[in-house]
Each structure stands twice: as C-alpha cells, then as structure tokens.
Protein backbone atom coordinates (compact mmCIF):
# COMPACT_ATOMS: atom_id res chain seq x y z
CA MET A 1 10.84 6.05 0.16
CA SER A 2 12.15 6.48 -3.31
CA GLN A 3 10.38 4.84 -6.28
CA LYS A 4 11.90 2.18 -8.22
CA SER A 5 11.92 1.99 -11.98
CA ILE A 6 10.23 -0.75 -13.84
CA LYS A 7 13.59 -2.11 -14.72
CA GLU A 8 14.58 -2.17 -11.11
CA LEU A 9 11.34 -3.79 -9.82
CA PHE A 10 12.04 -6.80 -12.06
CA ASP A 11 15.73 -6.91 -11.61
CA PHE A 12 16.36 -10.32 -9.95
CA THR A 13 20.27 -9.84 -10.13
CA GLY A 14 21.91 -11.45 -6.94
CA LYS A 15 18.70 -13.12 -5.92
CA THR A 16 18.41 -17.08 -5.75
CA ALA A 17 15.23 -18.83 -6.37
CA VAL A 18 14.17 -22.38 -6.10
CA VAL A 19 11.46 -23.99 -8.36
CA THR A 20 10.02 -27.43 -7.46
CA GLY A 21 8.86 -29.40 -10.40
CA GLY A 22 11.10 -27.29 -12.31
CA ALA A 23 12.43 -29.58 -15.08
CA LYS A 24 8.96 -29.32 -17.21
CA GLY A 25 5.70 -27.56 -17.92
CA ILE A 26 4.84 -24.58 -15.64
CA GLY A 27 7.84 -25.02 -13.50
CA TYR A 28 10.35 -24.78 -16.25
CA GLY A 29 8.49 -21.83 -17.66
CA ILE A 30 9.11 -20.21 -14.39
CA VAL A 31 12.59 -21.11 -14.17
CA GLN A 32 13.31 -19.46 -17.57
CA ARG A 33 11.58 -16.32 -16.53
CA LEU A 34 13.53 -16.09 -13.35
CA LEU A 35 16.77 -16.81 -15.18
CA GLU A 36 15.92 -13.98 -17.88
CA ALA A 37 15.38 -11.59 -15.06
CA GLY A 38 18.78 -12.41 -13.44
CA ALA A 39 18.30 -14.75 -10.65
CA ASN A 40 20.20 -17.78 -9.86
CA VAL A 41 17.81 -20.77 -10.03
CA MET A 42 17.74 -24.09 -8.48
CA ILE A 43 15.56 -26.69 -10.24
CA ALA A 44 14.40 -29.32 -8.25
CA ASP A 45 12.64 -32.34 -9.68
CA MET A 46 12.46 -36.13 -10.04
CA ALA A 47 13.09 -35.99 -13.67
CA ASP A 48 16.63 -36.10 -13.46
CA ASP A 49 17.83 -36.50 -17.06
CA VAL A 50 15.72 -33.62 -18.15
CA GLY A 51 16.55 -31.24 -15.03
CA GLU A 52 20.31 -31.69 -15.23
CA ARG A 53 20.17 -31.25 -18.86
CA LYS A 54 18.31 -28.05 -18.85
CA ALA A 55 20.36 -26.52 -15.81
CA LYS A 56 23.52 -27.40 -18.11
CA ILE A 57 22.22 -25.60 -20.92
CA ALA A 58 21.24 -22.48 -18.60
CA GLY A 59 24.93 -22.20 -17.32
CA LYS A 60 26.48 -21.34 -14.10
CA LYS A 61 23.40 -19.39 -12.62
CA CYS A 62 21.36 -22.60 -12.84
CA ALA A 63 21.70 -25.96 -10.88
CA TYR A 64 19.67 -29.09 -10.46
CA VAL A 65 18.80 -31.15 -7.32
CA HIS A 66 16.87 -34.44 -7.30
CA ALA A 67 13.99 -33.95 -4.78
CA ASP A 68 10.83 -35.61 -3.82
CA VAL A 69 8.90 -32.66 -2.19
CA SER A 70 6.73 -35.30 -0.03
CA SER A 71 10.18 -36.49 1.47
CA GLU A 72 11.25 -34.29 4.54
CA GLU A 73 14.99 -35.48 4.02
CA ASP A 74 14.92 -34.61 0.34
CA VAL A 75 13.37 -31.03 1.17
CA LYS A 76 16.16 -30.40 3.95
CA VAL A 77 18.78 -31.38 1.41
CA LEU A 78 17.30 -29.30 -1.43
CA VAL A 79 17.26 -26.09 0.79
CA LYS A 80 20.85 -26.86 2.19
CA LYS A 81 22.22 -27.46 -1.24
CA THR A 82 20.72 -24.22 -2.51
CA VAL A 83 22.24 -22.14 0.22
CA GLU A 84 25.68 -23.79 -0.24
CA LYS A 85 25.58 -23.26 -4.12
CA PHE A 86 24.36 -19.65 -4.07
CA GLY A 87 24.76 -18.50 -0.61
CA LYS A 88 21.14 -17.60 0.09
CA LEU A 89 17.52 -18.01 -0.66
CA ASP A 90 15.31 -15.27 -1.56
CA ILE A 91 12.20 -16.87 -3.66
CA PHE A 92 10.70 -20.39 -3.30
CA VAL A 93 8.11 -21.55 -5.95
CA ASN A 94 6.07 -24.36 -4.65
CA ASN A 95 5.11 -25.73 -8.08
CA ALA A 96 5.56 -29.62 -7.86
CA GLY A 97 2.29 -31.39 -7.99
CA ILE A 98 0.42 -34.31 -9.55
CA PHE A 99 -3.03 -34.70 -10.88
CA PRO A 100 -4.26 -38.18 -11.45
CA GLY A 101 -7.92 -38.30 -12.26
CA LYS A 102 -10.10 -40.88 -10.51
CA PRO A 103 -13.65 -40.82 -9.19
CA VAL A 104 -14.09 -40.88 -5.42
CA LEU A 105 -15.87 -44.15 -5.55
CA GLU A 106 -13.21 -45.70 -7.55
CA MET A 107 -10.34 -44.37 -5.83
CA ASP A 108 -8.14 -46.38 -3.35
CA LEU A 109 -6.53 -44.94 -0.34
CA LYS A 110 -3.11 -45.39 -1.55
CA LEU A 111 -3.84 -42.99 -4.53
CA TRP A 112 -5.51 -40.38 -2.38
CA GLU A 113 -2.75 -40.32 0.17
CA LYS A 114 -0.13 -40.06 -2.70
CA ILE A 115 -1.99 -36.95 -4.06
CA GLN A 116 -2.08 -35.25 -0.55
CA SER A 117 1.54 -36.03 0.20
CA VAL A 118 2.85 -34.33 -3.02
CA ASN A 119 0.60 -31.41 -3.37
CA LEU A 120 -0.05 -30.50 0.20
CA ARG A 121 2.36 -32.05 2.32
CA GLY A 122 5.24 -30.92 -0.08
CA VAL A 123 4.10 -27.29 0.11
CA PHE A 124 4.17 -27.57 3.92
CA LEU A 125 7.67 -29.13 4.01
CA CYS A 126 9.37 -26.79 1.35
CA SER A 127 7.62 -23.69 2.92
CA ARG A 128 8.91 -24.61 6.50
CA GLU A 129 12.51 -25.29 5.50
CA ALA A 130 12.69 -22.47 3.16
CA GLY A 131 10.90 -20.27 5.55
CA LYS A 132 13.52 -20.83 8.27
CA VAL A 133 16.28 -19.63 6.02
CA MET A 134 14.16 -16.45 4.93
CA ALA A 135 13.26 -15.57 8.57
CA LYS A 136 17.02 -15.55 9.39
CA GLN A 137 17.86 -13.45 6.25
CA LYS A 138 14.80 -11.19 7.36
CA GLY A 139 13.17 -11.40 3.93
CA GLY A 140 11.83 -13.57 1.08
CA VAL A 141 9.03 -14.52 -1.14
CA MET A 142 7.11 -17.69 -1.64
CA VAL A 143 4.82 -18.32 -4.51
CA ASN A 144 2.51 -21.50 -4.39
CA ILE A 145 1.08 -22.94 -7.37
CA ALA A 146 -2.51 -23.79 -6.45
CA SER A 147 -5.30 -24.16 -9.02
CA ILE A 148 -8.71 -22.77 -10.02
CA ASP A 149 -9.87 -26.01 -8.43
CA ALA A 150 -8.89 -24.42 -5.13
CA LEU A 151 -11.80 -21.99 -5.79
CA HIS A 152 -14.26 -23.97 -7.84
CA PRO A 153 -14.31 -27.71 -9.05
CA SER A 154 -13.63 -27.95 -12.77
CA GLN A 155 -14.67 -31.61 -13.30
CA VAL A 156 -15.52 -35.02 -12.04
CA GLY A 157 -12.55 -37.14 -11.11
CA LEU A 158 -10.50 -34.45 -9.34
CA ALA A 159 -11.73 -34.64 -5.80
CA SER A 160 -8.43 -35.68 -4.20
CA TYR A 161 -6.65 -33.12 -6.35
CA ASP A 162 -9.26 -30.30 -5.38
CA ALA A 163 -8.93 -31.14 -1.57
CA SER A 164 -5.14 -30.73 -1.81
CA LYS A 165 -5.40 -27.42 -3.65
CA HIS A 166 -7.92 -26.13 -1.14
CA GLY A 167 -5.37 -26.98 1.33
CA VAL A 168 -2.70 -25.01 -0.38
CA TRP A 169 -4.78 -21.88 -0.66
CA GLY A 170 -5.84 -22.10 3.12
CA PHE A 171 -2.08 -22.98 3.87
CA THR A 172 -0.94 -20.02 1.90
CA LYS A 173 -3.15 -17.49 3.74
CA ASN A 174 -2.34 -18.72 7.22
CA PHE A 175 1.44 -18.99 6.53
CA ALA A 176 1.31 -15.36 5.00
CA LEU A 177 -0.23 -14.17 8.31
CA GLU A 178 2.70 -16.00 10.26
CA MET A 179 5.54 -14.82 8.05
CA ALA A 180 4.60 -11.26 7.53
CA SER A 181 6.28 -10.06 10.53
CA LYS A 182 9.57 -11.74 9.25
CA ASN A 183 9.38 -9.72 6.04
CA VAL A 184 8.65 -12.76 4.10
CA ARG A 185 5.48 -12.68 1.52
CA VAL A 186 3.58 -15.62 0.50
CA ASN A 187 1.08 -15.79 -2.23
CA ALA A 188 -0.48 -18.04 -4.60
CA ILE A 189 -1.44 -18.58 -8.18
CA ALA A 190 -4.52 -20.35 -9.47
CA PRO A 191 -3.83 -21.59 -12.93
CA GLY A 192 -6.43 -22.70 -15.29
CA GLY A 193 -6.09 -25.23 -18.13
CA ILE A 194 -2.37 -25.02 -19.14
CA ALA A 195 -1.00 -27.10 -21.91
CA THR A 196 1.97 -29.04 -20.41
CA GLU A 197 3.80 -32.23 -20.97
CA GLY A 198 2.04 -33.64 -17.79
CA VAL A 199 -1.35 -32.72 -19.10
CA GLU A 200 -0.42 -34.14 -22.50
CA GLU A 201 0.43 -37.47 -20.81
CA MET A 202 -2.70 -37.47 -18.70
CA THR A 203 -4.89 -36.59 -21.64
CA GLN A 204 -3.31 -39.60 -23.62
CA GLY A 205 -3.86 -41.89 -20.82
CA ALA A 206 -7.34 -40.77 -20.10
CA VAL A 207 -8.21 -41.72 -23.72
CA LYS A 208 -6.82 -45.17 -23.33
CA ALA A 209 -8.67 -45.66 -20.10
CA GLY A 210 -12.05 -44.23 -21.49
CA ASN A 211 -12.45 -41.20 -19.39
CA SER A 212 -11.39 -37.62 -19.18
CA GLY A 213 -10.37 -37.19 -15.48
CA GLY A 214 -7.21 -35.14 -15.18
CA SER A 215 -7.22 -34.08 -18.93
CA ILE A 216 -8.12 -30.72 -20.48
CA SER A 217 -11.10 -31.95 -22.44
CA PRO A 218 -12.73 -29.98 -25.38
CA ASP A 219 -15.76 -29.12 -23.23
CA PHE A 220 -13.34 -27.32 -20.68
CA THR A 221 -11.66 -25.33 -23.38
CA ALA A 222 -15.00 -24.45 -24.91
CA HIS A 223 -15.85 -22.93 -21.50
CA ILE A 224 -12.86 -20.48 -21.47
CA PRO A 225 -14.11 -17.07 -22.45
CA MET A 226 -10.57 -16.36 -24.10
CA LYS A 227 -11.06 -19.28 -26.19
CA ARG A 228 -7.63 -20.96 -25.64
CA THR A 229 -5.88 -22.96 -23.24
CA GLY A 230 -2.97 -21.32 -21.42
CA VAL A 231 0.70 -21.83 -21.93
CA PRO A 232 3.53 -22.32 -19.07
CA ASP A 233 4.59 -18.80 -19.78
CA ASP A 234 1.08 -17.31 -18.66
CA ILE A 235 1.80 -18.73 -15.23
CA ALA A 236 5.59 -17.88 -15.34
CA LYS A 237 4.76 -14.18 -15.85
CA ALA A 238 2.30 -14.21 -12.88
CA ALA A 239 5.04 -15.86 -10.77
CA LEU A 240 7.57 -13.24 -11.92
CA PHE A 241 5.32 -10.48 -10.74
CA LEU A 242 4.47 -12.03 -7.37
CA ALA A 243 8.35 -12.76 -6.72
CA SER A 244 9.22 -9.26 -7.73
CA ASP A 245 9.11 -5.96 -5.81
CA ALA A 246 6.26 -4.86 -8.15
CA SER A 247 4.06 -6.87 -5.60
CA SER A 248 5.74 -5.55 -2.40
CA TYR A 249 2.53 -4.89 -0.75
CA MET A 250 0.85 -8.14 -1.53
CA THR A 251 0.72 -11.11 0.64
CA GLY A 252 -1.79 -13.93 1.38
CA THR A 253 -3.55 -13.38 -1.99
CA ILE A 254 -4.35 -15.59 -4.86
CA THR A 255 -3.98 -14.52 -8.42
CA VAL A 256 -6.26 -16.38 -10.91
CA VAL A 257 -4.89 -17.01 -14.41
CA ASP A 258 -7.42 -18.99 -16.51
CA GLY A 259 -8.43 -17.09 -19.37
CA GLY A 260 -11.68 -16.12 -17.55
CA TYR A 261 -12.82 -19.72 -16.85
CA LEU A 262 -14.38 -19.04 -13.54
CA LEU A 263 -16.45 -16.21 -15.03
CA ALA A 264 -18.35 -18.73 -17.22
C-alpha cells in the first residue's frame, strides 16, 4: 500500500461533512477547518440567522439546515438534504450539546430529560441516519464531541451533563464496533474548558443566579497545567485529524484535549 503525503492525508477535496451545532463555538471552529481542508460542509443548528449568514459567507461549498438533533424528523431531513445538496456524506461531527448547570437536588425532570435528549439521543439519531448512508457508501467517519466529564466529573451541578457525556463515550465505543466491518470509523473527542459563546452566556447567567454550575470558573482554570482555557480551534484541529486519513487505523477511541486538566 502506497504511503500518502501529509498534504494528501489532510486533503478533504470532494468530501462532504456535517457539523451539528455548527453555527457557533466549537462547531463553527470545526466547520472552518473542514472548509479550509477542501470539504463541502453542511452546518446544522437552530441559530438560523447566524448559521445562514456564516454559510453564505463561506460560499457554495457550505450550506445551512435548521435542525434540532433531538428530533427524529429533523435529523432525517438533515441527512437527506445533505446528500441532495452535495451528493454524499463522508464525515459527520456530532457536536450539538447543551450544558445547563443545576445540582441534582434542585433539578426537575424536565431539565434532566432535555439535556439527555439533546446530548445523547441526538448523537444516537444522527449516528443512525448518517450511518445508514455511510454503510451504503461503504465508508465514512464520525467524530463525537464528548467531554472530559465523560471521564471524570469537573464540578458540582453537571450531573445530568456528565451522565449524557458518559453515554456518548459508551455509545461511541459500541457503535465503532458495529460499524468497523462497514469501513466506517467512529471516534470521540473529550474537550476540557473551551472559551465559546455558549460558555460566556452560561457564565453570565451563573453569576446572576449566584452559582458557577456550567461555567468555567477561575478555580477550574487554575487547575489547568497549561494555564489557559482552550479555544474552539484546539478542538477543531483534533477533529480534523480524526476525520482525516491520518487517523485511518483509529476507531472507538477518545482523544482528550484539555490542557492537561485531567492530570492535575
């Protein structure tokens, strides 16, 4: 088997990717890197104004679809429109997620189930529908954005979020096992504290509410050995690697990108 050059390994020309939650934050960071590498990219989000504007700026290689990943119908439409628009589906990034902070003793069932429906059911629905297309094509890559909280709790108030991300990690491993024979690789990324618009909104809300659940607190940042919070591109570069042929012998793995937080 001939060895590909570095340029060839990261050349996504002719490939089509979907990024859920792709209008902002980590998702948009991944969108930008995939576009830079030459891929066609479908942004899936519920922030229509932002998503449509960014897709328009990116040009004809990028499009936007409104999608609630917890909705089976929305997910089916997303995959259908992607294939109709670009003719195929090679890469699917399950990035959409929410992280409202609330201690278990103060949490109602509605909030618990909302977090599970977006963070875990969404990954299942998107993986199932994208997986059907990839299996038919006999190839593809999925990248699931989990969290360091899938491996170790980071702070009080994220029990529901942690449960959902543990589920994403467990799902990733088993689905990787299922899809290996179909030439589809499935891997996960565990981000640490990443500075995004969503985190900023949560931080401001937490300050007003008098708690820090769901935000990146000064104490959290102080425990990062690299002494900084991450930025979306830190995760985007890892996603690009996992989506590329540079990781062609990797499936069912989780890549931790946390500045060393889990070491402390």
